[in-house]
């Protein structure tokens, strides 16, 4: 199975790449900076250079050709301004999902954010971020050619993952280690029965594999 991850050098992506490579999958991570390539190789992933803020749908579809799964884990980052919330958190996500559909990649995972809502009110940078993520999620949900699952983690922490989560349509506010977000995504790669679901994710008391299987059965 070939899996292509947008935002391949991100905090979630590097963790996910290690998990997927350990399972024997062929993993590629899209990055803008060639100096990040060694970190991806160390994680077991093939670095692919591409700037999703300026690339065409056709170019990204070429990168995705032959992939079984596409994961959007890119983000403008906490230090970025309003403009990049639009060009990365919304625009790059829309581009990547359109390209995945064009390349006939069936399985698509979107890493979103708790509170993402295209109708969210407010003028702070984080408000723009939540609107951008909400608009991206809305767009992905219109892609009829994709078996999409949207994951909306709570506040991300660097704490060691415990492998215990709460994964539901609505969890309420909370936090979750980056390790556990990556673990959930790795399970979702192998669980296409969760297609069509938008799931919130926080720390909880249910083992990751059980939490994902429970959602697949709903």
N, C-alpha and C. Protein backbone atom coordinates (compact mmCIF):
# COMPACT_ATOMS: atom_id res chain seq x y z
N UNK A 1 0.84 -1.19 0.00
CA UNK A 1 0.00 0.00 0.00
C UNK A 1 0.89 1.25 0.00
N UNK A 2 0.59 2.21 -0.86
CA UNK A 2 1.34 3.46 -0.94
C UNK A 2 0.50 4.58 -0.33
N UNK A 3 1.11 5.33 0.58
CA UNK A 3 0.43 6.39 1.29
C UNK A 3 1.22 7.68 1.11
N UNK A 4 0.56 8.74 0.69
CA UNK A 4 1.21 10.04 0.48
C UNK A 4 0.65 11.03 1.49
N UNK A 5 1.55 11.70 2.21
CA UNK A 5 1.17 12.60 3.29
C UNK A 5 1.58 14.02 2.95
N UNK A 6 0.63 14.93 2.91
CA UNK A 6 0.93 16.35 2.72
C UNK A 6 1.35 16.94 4.06
N UNK A 7 2.37 17.79 4.03
CA UNK A 7 2.91 18.30 5.29
C UNK A 7 3.80 17.28 5.94
N UNK A 8 4.63 16.64 5.13
CA UNK A 8 5.38 15.46 5.55
C UNK A 8 6.37 15.67 6.67
N UNK A 9 6.74 16.92 6.96
CA UNK A 9 7.70 17.18 8.03
C UNK A 9 7.01 17.71 9.28
N UNK A 10 5.70 17.68 9.30
CA UNK A 10 4.96 18.19 10.44
C UNK A 10 5.04 17.29 11.67
N UNK A 11 4.60 17.82 12.79
CA UNK A 11 4.70 17.09 14.06
C UNK A 11 3.86 15.82 14.05
N UNK A 12 2.71 15.87 13.41
CA UNK A 12 1.89 14.67 13.29
C UNK A 12 2.44 13.76 12.21
N UNK A 13 2.81 14.34 11.07
CA UNK A 13 3.22 13.55 9.91
C UNK A 13 4.43 12.68 10.19
N UNK A 14 5.46 13.23 10.82
CA UNK A 14 6.67 12.43 11.08
C UNK A 14 6.35 11.24 11.97
N UNK A 15 5.49 11.43 12.95
CA UNK A 15 5.08 10.32 13.81
C UNK A 15 4.30 9.29 13.01
N UNK A 16 3.40 9.77 12.15
CA UNK A 16 2.59 8.87 11.33
C UNK A 16 3.46 8.09 10.35
N UNK A 17 4.43 8.75 9.77
CA UNK A 17 5.32 8.08 8.82
C UNK A 17 6.06 6.92 9.49
N UNK A 18 6.53 7.14 10.71
CA UNK A 18 7.22 6.06 11.43
C UNK A 18 6.29 4.87 11.66
N UNK A 19 5.07 5.15 12.07
CA UNK A 19 4.12 4.08 12.34
C UNK A 19 3.78 3.29 11.06
N UNK A 20 3.54 4.01 9.97
CA UNK A 20 3.16 3.34 8.73
C UNK A 20 4.33 2.56 8.13
N UNK A 21 5.53 3.15 8.20
CA UNK A 21 6.71 2.45 7.68
C UNK A 21 6.95 1.16 8.48
N UNK A 22 6.71 1.22 9.79
CA UNK A 22 6.90 0.04 10.63
C UNK A 22 5.92 -1.08 10.27
N UNK A 23 4.79 -0.70 9.68
CA UNK A 23 3.81 -1.68 9.24
C UNK A 23 4.13 -2.23 7.85
N UNK A 24 5.19 -1.71 7.26
CA UNK A 24 5.61 -2.21 5.96
C UNK A 24 5.02 -1.48 4.78
N UNK A 25 4.37 -0.36 5.02
CA UNK A 25 3.77 0.39 3.93
C UNK A 25 4.81 1.26 3.22
N UNK A 26 4.54 1.58 1.98
CA UNK A 26 5.35 2.52 1.22
C UNK A 26 4.82 3.92 1.50
N UNK A 27 5.63 4.75 2.11
CA UNK A 27 5.18 6.06 2.57
C UNK A 27 5.97 7.17 1.90
N UNK A 28 5.27 8.20 1.45
CA UNK A 28 5.91 9.39 0.89
C UNK A 28 5.37 10.61 1.60
N UNK A 29 6.24 11.58 1.85
CA UNK A 29 5.83 12.81 2.50
C UNK A 29 6.16 14.01 1.64
N UNK A 30 5.19 14.87 1.43
CA UNK A 30 5.40 16.07 0.62
C UNK A 30 5.96 17.18 1.50
N UNK A 31 7.08 17.75 1.08
CA UNK A 31 7.73 18.84 1.81
C UNK A 31 8.15 19.94 0.83
N UNK A 32 8.32 21.15 1.37
CA UNK A 32 8.79 22.27 0.54
C UNK A 32 10.30 22.44 0.62
N UNK A 33 10.89 22.04 1.72
CA UNK A 33 12.30 22.30 1.99
C UNK A 33 13.12 21.02 1.79
N UNK A 34 14.03 21.02 0.83
CA UNK A 34 14.82 19.81 0.59
C UNK A 34 15.68 19.41 1.79
N UNK A 35 15.98 20.36 2.67
CA UNK A 35 16.79 20.03 3.85
C UNK A 35 16.02 19.15 4.85
N UNK A 36 14.73 19.04 4.68
CA UNK A 36 13.93 18.19 5.57
C UNK A 36 13.93 16.73 5.13
N UNK A 37 14.52 16.46 3.99
CA UNK A 37 14.49 15.11 3.43
C UNK A 37 15.08 14.05 4.33
N UNK A 38 16.19 14.37 5.00
CA UNK A 38 16.83 13.37 5.85
C UNK A 38 15.93 12.96 7.01
N UNK A 39 15.19 13.92 7.56
CA UNK A 39 14.28 13.59 8.66
C UNK A 39 13.20 12.62 8.20
N UNK A 40 12.70 12.81 6.98
CA UNK A 40 11.68 11.90 6.47
C UNK A 40 12.27 10.52 6.21
N UNK A 41 13.46 10.48 5.65
CA UNK A 41 14.08 9.18 5.39
C UNK A 41 14.32 8.44 6.69
N UNK A 42 14.71 9.16 7.73
CA UNK A 42 14.92 8.54 9.04
C UNK A 42 13.62 7.96 9.58
N UNK A 43 12.51 8.62 9.24
CA UNK A 43 11.20 8.13 9.68
C UNK A 43 10.68 6.99 8.81
N UNK A 44 11.40 6.71 7.71
CA UNK A 44 10.98 5.62 6.82
C UNK A 44 10.15 6.06 5.64
N UNK A 45 10.15 7.38 5.37
CA UNK A 45 9.34 7.91 4.28
C UNK A 45 10.21 8.49 3.17
N UNK A 46 9.67 8.46 1.96
CA UNK A 46 10.32 9.06 0.80
C UNK A 46 9.92 10.53 0.71
N UNK A 47 10.89 11.47 0.74
CA UNK A 47 10.52 12.88 0.61
C UNK A 47 10.19 13.24 -0.84
N UNK A 48 9.14 14.01 -1.01
CA UNK A 48 8.73 14.49 -2.33
C UNK A 48 8.63 16.01 -2.25
N UNK A 49 9.42 16.71 -3.06
CA UNK A 49 9.43 18.17 -3.03
C UNK A 49 8.26 18.75 -3.81
N UNK A 50 7.48 19.58 -3.12
CA UNK A 50 6.35 20.24 -3.78
C UNK A 50 5.83 21.33 -2.84
N UNK A 51 5.57 22.50 -3.40
CA UNK A 51 4.97 23.59 -2.64
C UNK A 51 3.48 23.63 -2.94
N UNK A 52 2.68 23.19 -2.00
CA UNK A 52 1.25 23.09 -2.24
C UNK A 52 0.56 24.45 -2.33
N UNK A 53 1.28 25.52 -1.95
CA UNK A 53 0.70 26.86 -2.09
C UNK A 53 0.78 27.37 -3.51
N UNK A 54 1.66 26.79 -4.32
CA UNK A 54 1.81 27.29 -5.69
C UNK A 54 1.64 26.20 -6.76
N UNK A 55 1.56 24.95 -6.35
CA UNK A 55 1.46 23.84 -7.32
C UNK A 55 0.08 23.80 -7.97
N UNK A 56 0.03 23.17 -9.14
CA UNK A 56 -1.24 22.97 -9.83
C UNK A 56 -1.86 21.65 -9.40
N UNK A 57 -3.15 21.54 -9.62
CA UNK A 57 -3.85 20.29 -9.33
C UNK A 57 -3.24 19.16 -10.14
N UNK A 58 -2.90 19.44 -11.39
CA UNK A 58 -2.34 18.41 -12.27
C UNK A 58 -1.00 17.89 -11.73
N UNK A 59 -0.17 18.80 -11.24
CA UNK A 59 1.13 18.40 -10.73
C UNK A 59 0.97 17.52 -9.49
N UNK A 60 0.11 17.93 -8.57
CA UNK A 60 -0.08 17.16 -7.35
C UNK A 60 -0.76 15.82 -7.66
N UNK A 61 -1.65 15.81 -8.63
CA UNK A 61 -2.27 14.54 -9.03
C UNK A 61 -1.22 13.58 -9.55
N UNK A 62 -0.21 14.12 -10.23
CA UNK A 62 0.88 13.27 -10.69
C UNK A 62 1.65 12.65 -9.53
N UNK A 63 1.86 13.43 -8.48
CA UNK A 63 2.53 12.90 -7.28
C UNK A 63 1.69 11.80 -6.65
N UNK A 64 0.38 11.98 -6.69
CA UNK A 64 -0.53 11.04 -6.04
C UNK A 64 -0.87 9.83 -6.91
N UNK A 65 -0.45 9.84 -8.15
CA UNK A 65 -0.78 8.73 -9.05
C UNK A 65 -0.26 7.41 -8.48
N UNK A 66 -1.13 6.45 -8.37
CA UNK A 66 -0.76 5.14 -7.87
C UNK A 66 -0.86 5.00 -6.36
N UNK A 67 -1.17 6.09 -5.66
CA UNK A 67 -1.32 6.02 -4.20
C UNK A 67 -2.64 5.37 -3.83
N UNK A 68 -2.64 4.67 -2.72
CA UNK A 68 -3.87 4.07 -2.19
C UNK A 68 -4.56 4.97 -1.17
N UNK A 69 -3.75 5.79 -0.48
CA UNK A 69 -4.25 6.66 0.58
C UNK A 69 -3.54 8.00 0.49
N UNK A 70 -4.30 9.08 0.69
CA UNK A 70 -3.73 10.42 0.80
C UNK A 70 -4.12 10.99 2.16
N UNK A 71 -3.16 11.61 2.82
CA UNK A 71 -3.39 12.20 4.15
C UNK A 71 -3.00 13.67 4.10
N UNK A 72 -3.93 14.55 4.45
CA UNK A 72 -3.59 15.97 4.52
C UNK A 72 -3.27 16.31 5.96
N UNK A 73 -1.97 16.53 6.24
CA UNK A 73 -1.53 16.87 7.59
C UNK A 73 -0.70 18.14 7.57
N UNK A 74 -0.86 18.95 6.52
CA UNK A 74 -0.11 20.19 6.41
C UNK A 74 -0.80 21.29 7.22
N UNK A 75 -0.02 22.31 7.56
CA UNK A 75 -0.60 23.45 8.28
C UNK A 75 0.33 24.64 8.19
N UNK A 76 -0.24 25.82 8.25
CA UNK A 76 0.57 27.03 8.17
C UNK A 76 1.40 27.22 9.42
N UNK A 77 0.98 26.64 10.53
CA UNK A 77 1.76 26.74 11.76
C UNK A 77 1.29 27.87 12.65
N UNK A 78 1.59 27.78 13.96
CA UNK A 78 1.07 28.75 14.92
C UNK A 78 1.60 30.16 14.76
N UNK A 79 2.75 30.32 14.11
CA UNK A 79 3.32 31.65 13.96
C UNK A 79 2.89 32.36 12.69
N UNK A 80 2.06 31.74 11.89
CA UNK A 80 1.68 32.31 10.60
C UNK A 80 0.51 33.28 10.75
N UNK A 81 0.36 34.13 9.73
CA UNK A 81 -0.70 35.12 9.76
C UNK A 81 -1.94 34.67 9.01
N UNK A 82 -2.87 35.60 8.89
CA UNK A 82 -4.17 35.31 8.29
C UNK A 82 -4.02 34.81 6.86
N UNK A 83 -3.11 35.41 6.08
CA UNK A 83 -2.99 35.05 4.67
C UNK A 83 -2.65 33.58 4.48
N UNK A 84 -1.72 33.07 5.30
CA UNK A 84 -1.32 31.67 5.13
C UNK A 84 -2.34 30.70 5.72
N UNK A 85 -3.18 31.19 6.63
CA UNK A 85 -4.29 30.33 7.06
C UNK A 85 -5.17 30.02 5.85
N UNK A 86 -5.30 31.00 4.96
CA UNK A 86 -6.11 30.78 3.77
C UNK A 86 -5.37 29.97 2.72
N UNK A 87 -4.10 30.28 2.47
CA UNK A 87 -3.40 29.60 1.38
C UNK A 87 -2.98 28.18 1.72
N UNK A 88 -2.74 27.89 3.01
CA UNK A 88 -2.33 26.54 3.40
C UNK A 88 -3.49 25.76 4.01
N UNK A 89 -4.02 26.26 5.12
CA UNK A 89 -5.02 25.49 5.85
C UNK A 89 -6.31 25.31 5.05
N UNK A 90 -6.64 26.24 4.19
CA UNK A 90 -7.78 26.06 3.30
C UNK A 90 -7.33 25.68 1.89
N UNK A 91 -6.55 26.57 1.26
CA UNK A 91 -6.22 26.40 -0.15
C UNK A 91 -5.47 25.12 -0.46
N UNK A 92 -4.44 24.82 0.30
CA UNK A 92 -3.66 23.62 0.03
C UNK A 92 -4.48 22.36 0.28
N UNK A 93 -5.36 22.41 1.28
CA UNK A 93 -6.22 21.25 1.55
C UNK A 93 -7.20 21.01 0.41
N UNK A 94 -7.77 22.09 -0.10
CA UNK A 94 -8.69 21.97 -1.24
C UNK A 94 -7.94 21.41 -2.45
N UNK A 95 -6.77 21.97 -2.73
CA UNK A 95 -5.96 21.50 -3.86
C UNK A 95 -5.63 20.02 -3.72
N UNK A 96 -5.20 19.62 -2.52
CA UNK A 96 -4.77 18.25 -2.30
C UNK A 96 -5.94 17.27 -2.46
N UNK A 97 -7.12 17.64 -1.98
CA UNK A 97 -8.28 16.75 -2.12
C UNK A 97 -8.73 16.67 -3.58
N UNK A 98 -8.68 17.80 -4.28
CA UNK A 98 -9.04 17.78 -5.70
C UNK A 98 -8.06 16.91 -6.48
N UNK A 99 -6.78 17.03 -6.15
CA UNK A 99 -5.76 16.24 -6.83
C UNK A 99 -5.92 14.75 -6.52
N UNK A 100 -6.26 14.43 -5.28
CA UNK A 100 -6.47 13.03 -4.92
C UNK A 100 -7.64 12.44 -5.69
N UNK A 101 -8.69 13.22 -5.83
CA UNK A 101 -9.84 12.73 -6.59
C UNK A 101 -9.46 12.55 -8.06
N UNK A 102 -8.71 13.49 -8.61
CA UNK A 102 -8.29 13.39 -10.01
C UNK A 102 -7.39 12.17 -10.22
N UNK A 103 -6.55 11.88 -9.23
CA UNK A 103 -5.63 10.74 -9.35
C UNK A 103 -6.30 9.41 -8.98
N UNK A 104 -7.58 9.49 -8.62
CA UNK A 104 -8.37 8.31 -8.26
C UNK A 104 -7.81 7.59 -7.03
N UNK A 105 -7.38 8.41 -6.08
CA UNK A 105 -7.00 7.88 -4.78
C UNK A 105 -8.29 7.74 -3.97
N UNK A 106 -8.63 6.55 -3.57
CA UNK A 106 -9.92 6.35 -2.91
C UNK A 106 -9.95 6.85 -1.47
N UNK A 107 -8.95 6.48 -0.67
CA UNK A 107 -8.97 6.77 0.76
C UNK A 107 -8.30 8.11 1.03
N UNK A 108 -8.99 8.97 1.78
CA UNK A 108 -8.48 10.31 2.06
C UNK A 108 -8.72 10.66 3.52
N UNK A 109 -7.64 11.00 4.22
CA UNK A 109 -7.75 11.42 5.62
C UNK A 109 -7.41 12.91 5.73
N UNK A 110 -8.28 13.63 6.38
CA UNK A 110 -8.08 15.07 6.60
C UNK A 110 -7.82 15.33 8.07
N UNK A 111 -6.65 15.88 8.39
CA UNK A 111 -6.37 16.30 9.76
C UNK A 111 -6.87 17.73 9.91
N UNK A 112 -7.90 17.89 10.68
CA UNK A 112 -8.55 19.18 10.85
C UNK A 112 -8.29 19.69 12.26
N UNK A 113 -9.24 20.37 12.84
CA UNK A 113 -9.09 20.92 14.19
C UNK A 113 -10.44 20.96 14.87
N UNK A 114 -10.45 20.65 16.15
CA UNK A 114 -11.69 20.82 16.89
C UNK A 114 -12.12 22.29 16.83
N UNK A 115 -13.39 22.50 16.57
CA UNK A 115 -13.91 23.86 16.45
C UNK A 115 -13.89 24.40 15.04
N UNK A 116 -13.35 23.63 14.09
CA UNK A 116 -13.34 24.09 12.70
C UNK A 116 -14.76 24.32 12.22
N UNK A 117 -15.00 25.49 11.64
CA UNK A 117 -16.36 25.84 11.22
C UNK A 117 -16.26 27.02 10.26
N UNK A 118 -16.75 26.82 9.05
CA UNK A 118 -16.70 27.89 8.05
C UNK A 118 -17.48 29.12 8.49
N UNK A 119 -18.40 28.96 9.44
CA UNK A 119 -19.23 30.08 9.91
C UNK A 119 -18.75 30.63 11.26
N UNK A 120 -17.57 30.19 11.70
CA UNK A 120 -17.04 30.66 12.97
C UNK A 120 -16.86 32.17 12.96
N UNK A 121 -17.21 32.81 14.05
CA UNK A 121 -17.13 34.26 14.14
C UNK A 121 -15.84 34.69 14.84
N UNK A 122 -15.40 35.90 14.53
CA UNK A 122 -14.22 36.46 15.19
C UNK A 122 -13.19 36.96 14.21
N UNK A 123 -12.31 37.85 14.69
CA UNK A 123 -11.32 38.49 13.83
C UNK A 123 -9.88 38.18 14.22
N UNK A 124 -9.67 37.36 15.25
CA UNK A 124 -8.32 36.98 15.61
C UNK A 124 -7.77 35.97 14.60
N UNK A 125 -6.45 35.81 14.60
CA UNK A 125 -5.83 34.87 13.65
C UNK A 125 -6.39 33.47 13.84
N UNK A 126 -6.59 33.05 15.08
CA UNK A 126 -7.12 31.70 15.32
C UNK A 126 -8.54 31.56 14.81
N UNK A 127 -9.31 32.63 14.84
CA UNK A 127 -10.66 32.59 14.28
C UNK A 127 -10.59 32.35 12.77
N UNK A 128 -9.67 33.03 12.11
CA UNK A 128 -9.48 32.81 10.67
C UNK A 128 -9.05 31.36 10.40
N UNK A 129 -8.21 30.84 11.28
CA UNK A 129 -7.75 29.44 11.15
C UNK A 129 -8.93 28.48 11.22
N UNK A 130 -9.81 28.67 12.20
CA UNK A 130 -10.95 27.77 12.35
C UNK A 130 -11.90 27.86 11.15
N UNK A 131 -12.06 29.06 10.60
CA UNK A 131 -12.88 29.20 9.40
C UNK A 131 -12.23 28.51 8.21
N UNK A 132 -10.90 28.70 8.07
CA UNK A 132 -10.18 28.08 6.95
C UNK A 132 -10.29 26.56 7.02
N UNK A 133 -10.09 25.99 8.21
CA UNK A 133 -10.19 24.54 8.37
C UNK A 133 -11.62 24.07 8.11
N UNK A 134 -12.58 24.84 8.57
CA UNK A 134 -13.98 24.47 8.32
C UNK A 134 -14.33 24.47 6.85
N UNK A 135 -13.84 25.48 6.13
CA UNK A 135 -14.10 25.54 4.68
C UNK A 135 -13.43 24.37 3.97
N UNK A 136 -12.20 24.02 4.40
CA UNK A 136 -11.51 22.88 3.80
C UNK A 136 -12.27 21.58 4.06
N UNK A 137 -12.72 21.40 5.28
CA UNK A 137 -13.49 20.20 5.61
C UNK A 137 -14.75 20.12 4.76
N UNK A 138 -15.44 21.24 4.64
CA UNK A 138 -16.67 21.26 3.83
C UNK A 138 -16.38 20.85 2.40
N UNK A 139 -15.27 21.32 1.86
CA UNK A 139 -14.92 20.99 0.49
C UNK A 139 -14.63 19.50 0.34
N UNK A 140 -13.85 18.95 1.26
CA UNK A 140 -13.52 17.52 1.20
C UNK A 140 -14.79 16.68 1.22
N UNK A 141 -15.76 17.10 2.00
CA UNK A 141 -17.00 16.32 2.12
C UNK A 141 -17.84 16.35 0.86
N UNK A 142 -17.49 17.22 -0.09
CA UNK A 142 -18.21 17.24 -1.38
C UNK A 142 -17.51 16.37 -2.44
N UNK A 143 -16.35 15.82 -2.13
CA UNK A 143 -15.59 15.06 -3.11
C UNK A 143 -16.14 13.64 -3.17
N UNK A 144 -17.01 13.40 -4.13
CA UNK A 144 -17.72 12.13 -4.22
C UNK A 144 -16.80 10.97 -4.57
N UNK A 145 -15.64 11.28 -5.15
CA UNK A 145 -14.72 10.22 -5.52
C UNK A 145 -13.82 9.76 -4.39
N UNK A 146 -13.93 10.40 -3.22
CA UNK A 146 -13.04 10.07 -2.11
C UNK A 146 -13.79 9.36 -0.98
N UNK A 147 -13.15 8.38 -0.40
CA UNK A 147 -13.64 7.77 0.83
C UNK A 147 -12.96 8.50 1.99
N UNK A 148 -13.51 9.66 2.33
CA UNK A 148 -12.85 10.58 3.25
C UNK A 148 -13.26 10.34 4.70
N UNK A 149 -12.33 10.63 5.59
CA UNK A 149 -12.60 10.73 7.01
C UNK A 149 -11.91 11.98 7.52
N UNK A 150 -12.64 12.82 8.23
CA UNK A 150 -12.10 14.05 8.80
C UNK A 150 -11.86 13.82 10.29
N UNK A 151 -10.64 14.11 10.74
CA UNK A 151 -10.29 13.96 12.16
C UNK A 151 -10.02 15.34 12.75
N UNK A 152 -10.71 15.65 13.84
CA UNK A 152 -10.59 16.95 14.48
C UNK A 152 -10.04 16.79 15.90
N UNK A 153 -8.72 16.82 16.04
CA UNK A 153 -8.13 16.67 17.37
C UNK A 153 -8.38 17.91 18.24
N UNK A 154 -8.36 17.69 19.55
CA UNK A 154 -8.37 18.80 20.48
C UNK A 154 -7.00 19.43 20.55
N UNK A 155 -6.71 20.13 21.64
CA UNK A 155 -5.42 20.79 21.80
C UNK A 155 -4.30 19.76 21.77
N UNK A 156 -3.30 20.00 20.93
CA UNK A 156 -2.21 19.04 20.74
C UNK A 156 -1.13 19.24 21.79
N UNK A 157 -0.64 18.13 22.36
CA UNK A 157 0.42 18.20 23.35
C UNK A 157 1.58 17.33 22.94
N UNK A 158 2.75 17.62 23.53
CA UNK A 158 3.96 16.84 23.28
C UNK A 158 4.11 15.69 24.29
N UNK A 159 3.12 15.50 25.14
CA UNK A 159 3.18 14.42 26.12
C UNK A 159 3.30 13.07 25.42
N UNK A 160 3.93 12.12 26.08
CA UNK A 160 4.01 10.78 25.52
C UNK A 160 2.62 10.20 25.35
N UNK A 161 2.39 9.58 24.22
CA UNK A 161 1.08 8.99 23.97
C UNK A 161 0.82 7.81 24.90
N UNK A 162 -0.45 7.67 25.29
CA UNK A 162 -0.85 6.56 26.15
C UNK A 162 -1.64 5.50 25.38
N UNK A 163 -2.00 5.84 24.12
CA UNK A 163 -2.78 4.89 23.34
C UNK A 163 -4.22 4.78 23.80
N UNK A 164 -4.67 5.74 24.59
CA UNK A 164 -6.04 5.75 25.11
C UNK A 164 -6.71 7.05 24.69
N UNK A 165 -7.83 6.94 23.98
CA UNK A 165 -8.45 8.13 23.39
C UNK A 165 -9.97 8.09 23.52
N UNK A 166 -10.55 9.19 23.18
CA UNK A 166 -11.99 9.29 22.96
C UNK A 166 -12.17 9.79 21.54
N UNK A 167 -12.80 9.00 20.71
CA UNK A 167 -12.98 9.30 19.28
C UNK A 167 -14.46 9.17 18.97
N UNK A 168 -15.11 10.31 18.79
CA UNK A 168 -16.56 10.33 18.58
C UNK A 168 -16.93 11.51 17.69
N UNK A 169 -18.18 11.53 17.26
CA UNK A 169 -18.64 12.66 16.47
C UNK A 169 -18.52 13.95 17.26
N UNK A 170 -18.80 13.88 18.56
CA UNK A 170 -18.68 15.05 19.44
C UNK A 170 -18.13 14.58 20.78
N UNK A 171 -16.93 15.04 21.10
CA UNK A 171 -16.29 14.64 22.35
C UNK A 171 -16.34 15.73 23.42
N UNK A 172 -16.52 16.97 23.00
CA UNK A 172 -16.31 18.07 23.92
C UNK A 172 -14.83 18.44 23.94
N UNK A 173 -14.52 19.58 24.52
CA UNK A 173 -13.16 20.08 24.52
C UNK A 173 -12.22 19.18 25.30
N UNK A 174 -10.95 19.20 24.89
CA UNK A 174 -9.95 18.40 25.58
C UNK A 174 -8.64 18.49 24.83
N UNK A 175 -7.64 17.78 25.32
CA UNK A 175 -6.34 17.75 24.67
C UNK A 175 -6.00 16.31 24.29
N UNK A 176 -4.95 16.17 23.48
CA UNK A 176 -4.54 14.84 23.03
C UNK A 176 -3.08 14.89 22.61
N UNK A 177 -2.25 13.92 23.02
CA UNK A 177 -0.85 13.91 22.58
C UNK A 177 -0.73 13.69 21.07
N UNK A 178 0.28 14.29 20.49
CA UNK A 178 0.54 14.10 19.06
C UNK A 178 0.74 12.62 18.73
N UNK A 179 1.38 11.89 19.63
CA UNK A 179 1.58 10.45 19.42
C UNK A 179 0.25 9.74 19.18
N UNK A 180 -0.75 10.09 19.98
CA UNK A 180 -2.03 9.40 19.88
C UNK A 180 -2.81 9.83 18.64
N UNK A 181 -2.63 11.07 18.20
CA UNK A 181 -3.25 11.49 16.94
C UNK A 181 -2.69 10.65 15.79
N UNK A 182 -1.37 10.50 15.76
CA UNK A 182 -0.74 9.71 14.70
C UNK A 182 -1.21 8.26 14.77
N UNK A 183 -1.34 7.72 15.97
CA UNK A 183 -1.78 6.33 16.12
C UNK A 183 -3.20 6.14 15.59
N UNK A 184 -4.07 7.11 15.85
CA UNK A 184 -5.44 7.03 15.33
C UNK A 184 -5.44 7.10 13.81
N UNK A 185 -4.65 8.00 13.25
CA UNK A 185 -4.59 8.11 11.79
C UNK A 185 -4.08 6.81 11.17
N UNK A 186 -3.09 6.19 11.79
CA UNK A 186 -2.56 4.93 11.26
C UNK A 186 -3.64 3.85 11.25
N UNK A 187 -4.46 3.82 12.28
CA UNK A 187 -5.56 2.85 12.31
C UNK A 187 -6.61 3.18 11.26
N UNK A 188 -6.88 4.47 11.07
CA UNK A 188 -7.89 4.88 10.10
C UNK A 188 -7.48 4.54 8.67
N UNK A 189 -6.17 4.56 8.41
CA UNK A 189 -5.68 4.15 7.08
C UNK A 189 -6.21 2.76 6.74
N UNK A 190 -6.23 1.90 7.74
CA UNK A 190 -6.65 0.51 7.53
C UNK A 190 -8.13 0.28 7.80
N UNK A 191 -8.89 1.36 7.99
CA UNK A 191 -10.30 1.20 8.36
C UNK A 191 -11.19 2.04 7.45
N UNK A 192 -11.34 1.64 6.19
CA UNK A 192 -12.15 2.43 5.25
C UNK A 192 -13.62 2.49 5.64
N UNK A 193 -14.06 1.64 6.56
CA UNK A 193 -15.46 1.68 6.99
C UNK A 193 -15.79 2.96 7.75
N UNK A 194 -14.77 3.76 8.10
CA UNK A 194 -15.03 5.05 8.74
C UNK A 194 -15.24 6.16 7.70
N UNK A 195 -15.26 5.82 6.44
CA UNK A 195 -15.47 6.82 5.39
C UNK A 195 -16.79 7.55 5.61
N UNK A 196 -16.75 8.86 5.38
CA UNK A 196 -17.95 9.67 5.51
C UNK A 196 -18.17 10.22 6.91
N UNK A 197 -17.21 10.00 7.81
CA UNK A 197 -17.37 10.45 9.19
C UNK A 197 -16.45 11.63 9.49
N UNK A 198 -16.94 12.55 10.31
CA UNK A 198 -16.14 13.62 10.87
C UNK A 198 -16.06 13.35 12.37
N UNK A 199 -14.83 13.14 12.86
CA UNK A 199 -14.64 12.64 14.22
C UNK A 199 -13.77 13.58 15.04
N UNK A 200 -14.22 13.88 16.25
CA UNK A 200 -13.40 14.63 17.19
C UNK A 200 -12.56 13.66 18.01
N UNK A 201 -11.38 14.13 18.42
CA UNK A 201 -10.41 13.25 19.09
C UNK A 201 -9.77 13.96 20.28
N UNK A 202 -9.90 13.34 21.45
CA UNK A 202 -9.22 13.82 22.66
C UNK A 202 -8.73 12.59 23.42
N UNK A 203 -7.95 12.83 24.45
CA UNK A 203 -7.52 11.72 25.30
C UNK A 203 -8.73 11.13 26.01
N UNK A 204 -8.65 9.83 26.25
CA UNK A 204 -9.77 9.17 26.90
C UNK A 204 -9.33 7.88 27.55
N UNK A 205 -10.23 6.89 27.55
CA UNK A 205 -9.94 5.62 28.23
C UNK A 205 -10.04 4.41 27.31
N UNK A 206 -10.26 4.65 26.02
CA UNK A 206 -10.44 3.55 25.07
C UNK A 206 -9.18 3.35 24.24
N UNK A 207 -8.67 2.12 24.14
CA UNK A 207 -7.51 1.88 23.28
C UNK A 207 -7.78 2.34 21.85
N UNK A 208 -6.74 2.86 21.20
CA UNK A 208 -6.89 3.44 19.86
C UNK A 208 -7.58 2.48 18.90
N UNK A 209 -7.12 1.24 18.82
CA UNK A 209 -7.68 0.31 17.85
C UNK A 209 -9.15 0.05 18.12
N UNK A 210 -9.54 -0.02 19.37
CA UNK A 210 -10.94 -0.26 19.75
C UNK A 210 -11.78 0.97 19.39
N UNK A 211 -11.26 2.15 19.68
CA UNK A 211 -11.99 3.39 19.39
C UNK A 211 -12.29 3.51 17.90
N UNK A 212 -11.30 3.17 17.06
CA UNK A 212 -11.50 3.26 15.62
C UNK A 212 -12.50 2.19 15.15
N UNK A 213 -12.37 0.99 15.66
CA UNK A 213 -13.31 -0.07 15.27
C UNK A 213 -14.73 0.26 15.70
N UNK A 214 -14.87 0.89 16.85
CA UNK A 214 -16.21 1.29 17.30
C UNK A 214 -16.83 2.27 16.33
N UNK A 215 -16.05 3.22 15.83
CA UNK A 215 -16.57 4.19 14.87
C UNK A 215 -16.88 3.52 13.54
N UNK A 216 -16.09 2.55 13.16
CA UNK A 216 -16.33 1.84 11.90
C UNK A 216 -17.63 1.06 11.95
N UNK A 217 -18.05 0.69 13.15
CA UNK A 217 -19.28 -0.10 13.28
C UNK A 217 -20.54 0.74 13.37
N UNK A 218 -20.37 2.06 13.48
CA UNK A 218 -21.54 2.94 13.62
C UNK A 218 -22.15 3.29 12.27
